[in-house]
Amino acid sequence: MGEPESTPATAPVGGGLFARILMGILGLLLGFLMILATLYRLMEVGSALDSSEIPDEIAGSLPTLQALFYLVAAFCLAVIVSSIATFINSAWARKALLGSTGAMFVLLVGCGIYEYSIINELYGGHLADAEEIPWRMKPMTTFSMLMAYASLFFGGLIWLIDYLGRGRGDAPAAKDGD
């Protein structure tokens, strides 16, 4: 009698239907947006690898950048799958969506740092301070960092919806007179 009852595997996970649908929609938007941007970037890197105009300083770095973007594409697929699982209310879906979004953000920041190091090798020295360099070549506005900002925005919205949709706990209320 004093034992707590375990919840069955089909019990509702928490949060309302609206929160689940909104998290799923935001996750799908993030996944498809990032997969499109990643495929665009992979086509750019692939065409750069095929051309003979690549400077020798960065020729060895482009396959690594391409491999990093393939990892980003894998995380995009994980975000899409966990978003679909959020729609059907799987017990692991919310955590998987938050985890894959966070891991994709960290990987995109790593891609941005690596992309900036490639640009820095190409242009040399103090690239961040130069005013004649286009804004796309600055450290905080490389293509990967712009993707990371979008991932952070969507991930923050998903986290906020998950946080607000959680139950407040089933703590018993204190009785007067006890």
Protein backbone atom coordinates (compact mmCIF):
# COMPACT_ATOMS: atom_id res chain seq x y z
CA MET A 1 0.00 0.00 0.00
CA GLY A 2 2.83 2.42 0.74
CA GLU A 3 4.60 1.70 -2.55
CA PRO A 4 4.38 4.31 -5.29
CA GLU A 5 2.65 3.15 -8.43
CA SER A 6 4.77 2.99 -11.56
CA THR A 7 3.47 4.72 -14.64
CA PRO A 8 2.84 2.55 -17.67
CA ALA A 9 4.81 3.07 -20.86
CA THR A 10 1.78 4.54 -22.61
CA ALA A 11 1.09 7.19 -19.97
CA PRO A 12 1.24 10.81 -21.10
CA VAL A 13 4.73 12.21 -20.74
CA GLY A 14 3.76 15.66 -19.53
CA GLY A 15 2.92 18.96 -21.05
CA GLY A 16 -0.08 19.66 -23.15
CA LEU A 17 -0.94 18.72 -26.67
CA PHE A 18 -0.23 22.25 -27.87
CA ALA A 19 3.30 22.19 -26.38
CA ARG A 20 4.07 18.85 -28.06
CA ILE A 21 2.80 20.03 -31.43
CA LEU A 22 4.65 23.33 -31.20
CA MET A 23 7.90 21.61 -30.19
CA GLY A 24 7.49 19.15 -33.06
CA ILE A 25 6.84 21.91 -35.59
CA LEU A 26 9.82 23.95 -34.40
CA GLY A 27 12.03 20.86 -34.48
CA LEU A 28 10.93 20.01 -38.01
CA LEU A 29 11.51 23.60 -39.14
CA LEU A 30 14.97 23.56 -37.57
CA GLY A 31 15.82 20.18 -39.05
CA PHE A 32 14.72 21.02 -42.57
CA LEU A 33 16.26 24.50 -42.48
CA MET A 34 19.60 23.15 -41.30
CA ILE A 35 19.59 20.23 -43.75
CA LEU A 36 18.99 22.66 -46.63
CA ALA A 37 21.76 24.98 -45.44
CA THR A 38 24.09 22.01 -44.90
CA LEU A 39 23.43 20.62 -48.36
CA TYR A 40 24.06 24.07 -49.84
CA ARG A 41 27.34 24.29 -47.95
CA LEU A 42 28.34 20.76 -48.97
CA MET A 43 27.74 21.65 -52.62
CA GLU A 44 29.92 24.76 -52.22
CA VAL A 45 32.74 22.81 -50.56
CA GLY A 46 32.41 20.00 -53.11
CA SER A 47 32.65 22.39 -56.03
CA ALA A 48 35.66 24.05 -54.39
CA LEU A 49 37.32 20.64 -54.02
CA ASP A 50 36.72 19.90 -57.72
CA SER A 51 38.24 23.15 -58.96
CA SER A 52 41.96 23.56 -59.46
CA GLU A 53 41.98 27.12 -58.15
CA ILE A 54 42.22 26.16 -54.48
CA PRO A 55 45.24 27.61 -52.71
CA ASP A 56 47.58 25.01 -51.28
CA GLU A 57 47.18 26.44 -47.76
CA ILE A 58 43.55 25.33 -47.51
CA ALA A 59 43.42 22.34 -49.87
CA GLY A 60 43.91 19.87 -47.03
CA SER A 61 41.37 21.57 -44.75
CA LEU A 62 38.36 21.37 -47.04
CA PRO A 63 37.81 17.57 -46.75
CA THR A 64 37.75 17.95 -42.97
CA LEU A 65 35.20 20.76 -43.25
CA GLN A 66 33.16 18.58 -45.58
CA ALA A 67 33.23 15.72 -43.04
CA LEU A 68 32.08 18.11 -40.30
CA PHE A 69 29.13 19.17 -42.43
CA TYR A 70 28.22 15.52 -43.00
CA LEU A 71 28.06 15.19 -39.20
CA VAL A 72 25.82 18.26 -39.07
CA ALA A 73 23.54 16.57 -41.64
CA ALA A 74 23.36 13.49 -39.39
CA PHE A 75 22.34 15.65 -36.43
CA CYS A 76 19.73 17.33 -38.65
CA LEU A 77 18.22 13.91 -39.31
CA ALA A 78 18.28 13.19 -35.58
CA VAL A 79 16.39 16.44 -34.94
CA ILE A 80 13.80 15.52 -37.59
CA VAL A 81 13.32 12.01 -36.17
CA SER A 82 13.01 13.25 -32.59
CA SER A 83 10.53 15.93 -33.74
CA ILE A 84 8.34 13.29 -35.33
CA ALA A 85 8.62 11.24 -32.14
CA THR A 86 7.52 14.32 -30.19
CA PHE A 87 4.34 14.41 -32.27
CA ILE A 88 3.50 10.84 -31.30
CA ASN A 89 4.38 11.49 -27.64
CA SER A 90 7.23 9.05 -27.12
CA ALA A 91 8.72 9.16 -23.64
CA TRP A 92 12.26 9.85 -24.89
CA ALA A 93 11.35 12.33 -27.63
CA ARG A 94 11.63 15.63 -25.75
CA LYS A 95 15.02 14.80 -24.30
CA ALA A 96 16.24 13.53 -27.65
CA LEU A 97 15.03 16.70 -29.37
CA LEU A 98 16.77 18.93 -26.84
CA GLY A 99 19.92 16.81 -26.89
CA SER A 100 20.22 16.61 -30.67
CA THR A 101 19.55 20.34 -31.00
CA GLY A 102 22.22 21.12 -28.41
CA ALA A 103 24.74 18.75 -29.98
CA MET A 104 24.07 20.23 -33.41
CA PHE A 105 24.66 23.73 -32.00
CA VAL A 106 27.99 22.71 -30.47
CA LEU A 107 29.05 21.04 -33.71
CA LEU A 108 28.09 24.12 -35.73
CA VAL A 109 30.13 26.35 -33.45
CA GLY A 110 33.05 23.97 -34.00
CA CYS A 111 32.46 24.19 -37.76
CA GLY A 112 32.43 27.98 -37.48
CA ILE A 113 35.73 28.01 -35.62
CA TYR A 114 37.27 25.63 -38.14
CA GLU A 115 35.90 27.63 -41.06
CA TYR A 116 37.34 30.80 -39.56
CA SER A 117 40.74 29.13 -39.17
CA ILE A 118 40.62 28.23 -42.88
CA ILE A 119 39.78 31.83 -43.78
CA ASN A 120 42.51 33.08 -41.44
CA GLU A 121 45.07 30.82 -43.16
CA LEU A 122 43.98 32.15 -46.52
CA TYR A 123 44.04 35.85 -45.68
CA GLY A 124 46.65 35.74 -42.93
CA GLY A 125 47.06 37.51 -39.60
CA HIS A 126 44.55 39.81 -38.06
CA LEU A 127 41.44 39.05 -40.05
CA ALA A 128 38.97 40.15 -37.39
CA ASP A 129 40.36 43.69 -37.27
CA ALA A 130 40.58 44.28 -41.01
CA GLU A 131 37.91 46.55 -42.43
CA GLU A 132 38.35 45.64 -46.09
CA ILE A 133 37.39 41.99 -45.52
CA PRO A 134 33.72 41.24 -46.37
CA TRP A 135 31.34 40.66 -43.48
CA ARG A 136 30.95 36.97 -44.41
CA MET A 137 34.63 36.41 -43.61
CA LYS A 138 34.49 37.83 -40.07
CA PRO A 139 34.73 35.28 -37.22
CA MET A 140 31.18 35.70 -35.91
CA THR A 141 29.46 35.84 -39.31
CA THR A 142 30.84 32.85 -41.15
CA PHE A 143 28.22 30.59 -42.72
CA SER A 144 28.59 27.98 -39.97
CA MET A 145 28.19 30.55 -37.22
CA LEU A 146 25.04 31.93 -38.85
CA MET A 147 23.69 28.37 -38.90
CA ALA A 148 24.67 28.02 -35.23
CA TYR A 149 22.73 31.18 -34.35
CA ALA A 150 19.61 29.82 -36.04
CA SER A 151 20.09 26.52 -34.22
CA LEU A 152 20.48 28.34 -30.91
CA PHE A 153 17.32 30.37 -31.52
CA PHE A 154 15.18 27.34 -32.37
CA GLY A 155 16.77 25.29 -29.59
CA GLY A 156 16.03 28.05 -27.08
CA LEU A 157 12.40 28.18 -28.17
CA ILE A 158 12.10 24.40 -27.92
CA TRP A 159 13.66 24.45 -24.45
CA LEU A 160 11.35 27.27 -23.33
CA ILE A 161 8.26 25.43 -24.54
CA ASP A 162 9.46 22.25 -22.84
CA TYR A 163 10.17 24.11 -19.60
CA LEU A 164 6.81 25.87 -19.57
CA GLY A 165 4.98 22.67 -20.53
CA ARG A 166 6.35 20.59 -17.67
CA GLY A 167 4.10 19.65 -14.79
CA ARG A 168 4.60 21.50 -11.56
CA GLY A 169 4.91 18.31 -9.55
CA ASP A 170 2.43 16.38 -7.51
CA ALA A 171 3.45 17.65 -4.09
CA PRO A 172 0.58 17.28 -1.61
CA ALA A 173 -0.77 20.53 -0.27
CA ALA A 174 -0.24 21.25 3.40
CA LYS A 175 -3.38 20.93 5.49
CA ASP A 176 -4.32 23.44 8.12
CA GLY A 177 -4.34 21.96 11.55
CA ASP A 178 -1.91 19.07 10.91
